[in-house]
Amino acid sequence: MNNSKIYLFFFIFILYGFIFSSCNSQAKYSVDIQGHRGARGLAPENTLVGFQKAIELGVTTLEFDVGVTKDGFPIIFHDVAINPNICLENNGNPIKTDSLGYGPLIKNLTLTEIKSFDCGSLNPDLIRFPEPPRQNYPSERIPTLQELFELLQKYPDKNIWCNIELKTNPNYPATYPINEFADAVLQVIELNNRANLVNIQSFHWQILEYINDQQSEILLAGLVGTSSYKSVNDSTPSPWLNGIHFEQVGGTSLAILEEAKQYINIFSPSWRLIDPTDNEFLGSSVKEIQSAGFKVIPWTINTTRIMKKLIDEGVDGIITDYPDSLKFVLEKFNIPQK
């Protein structure tokens, strides 16, 4: 064999290897479709009918919020108080509110009282969630975490994951203390043998560390918004970050994650914080964060352009009010879902 044929052979061999490697790498990449509060853009948020809608659309993960009632039941609701823009009294009248416009606190209501509200008749924002495609479902009730797990038992083949946000706030202690709050949720997860099918997320990183101390097998996601990471001043860190001072540890998203790596597995930021072209970018790319061992699942993306942009960055999943839009993007560009 002469030299030219040898060089040609090696060139073809290397090219084949590169193509095979690229295809294999591309085949391994998939995106977790997370329905935000079920499918908030299509059905009432955090309701069983909304979760069913999301499952029918093909989500791989249901994202939702949890509070704990006066009698210790974890219920699925976004706010620490009954939101008058989402729920009505059982007779159809508006929710009674205080001088600040808040309804009764979840922690002051029994489960029976919680179940009296109609949380399916109102659309909280017609501009953000136009009808159609959104549909109201009158008389839909606030579900318990247990009721959702029972619903998921009807879909054993789908292996639906749950991304559970715990709604505690260090600035506004309107819930049970974090240990009691977390213990109530962990008890229901354990009762249903779902520790390997859930992750727990929170903006309040202290509760994540507590959960890790109780059940280290549960994956934990650190939520970060466009202001929650900011320190109070030079000597006082943000109350959300469990004592981590953003500027003093390096001033990037990866820097704060490294400080919390003992108990955080997933970084779940507002999407602007990981977009290198955005003025809110926190200085760490998706690839850099993933290389350090964290998954990256941003929220809440409702436009297909931004979805594709973040997929190009390599995110592990996307939380969206419109899981049907995310499925459209994945199918259009032939990207597998998890």
Foldseek 3Di string as FASTA:
>chain_A
DDPVVVVVVVVVVVVVVVVVVVVVVQQPFAAQQEAEQQQLLAFQGQFPVSVVVSVVLPGQEYEFEWAAALVLFIWTDDDQFDQQQFKDALVRHTADADPVRTHGGRHDHDPVRQFRIWRFPHNSDCVSRPPVVHDGDTSTGTGTPLVVLVVCVVVVPSLHAYEYEYDADPVDGSGPPLVSGVVSVVVSCVVSVCQVRYAYEYLQCVSLVVVCVVPVSHAYEHEEELPQQAAPDPVGGRNRLNRDRCVVQPQAPLSSCVVVVVRHAEYEYALLCQQPVHPSPRPAHQVRNVVVRHAYEYDDDEDLVVLVVVVVSPHRYYYYSHSSSNVVSCVVVVHHHD
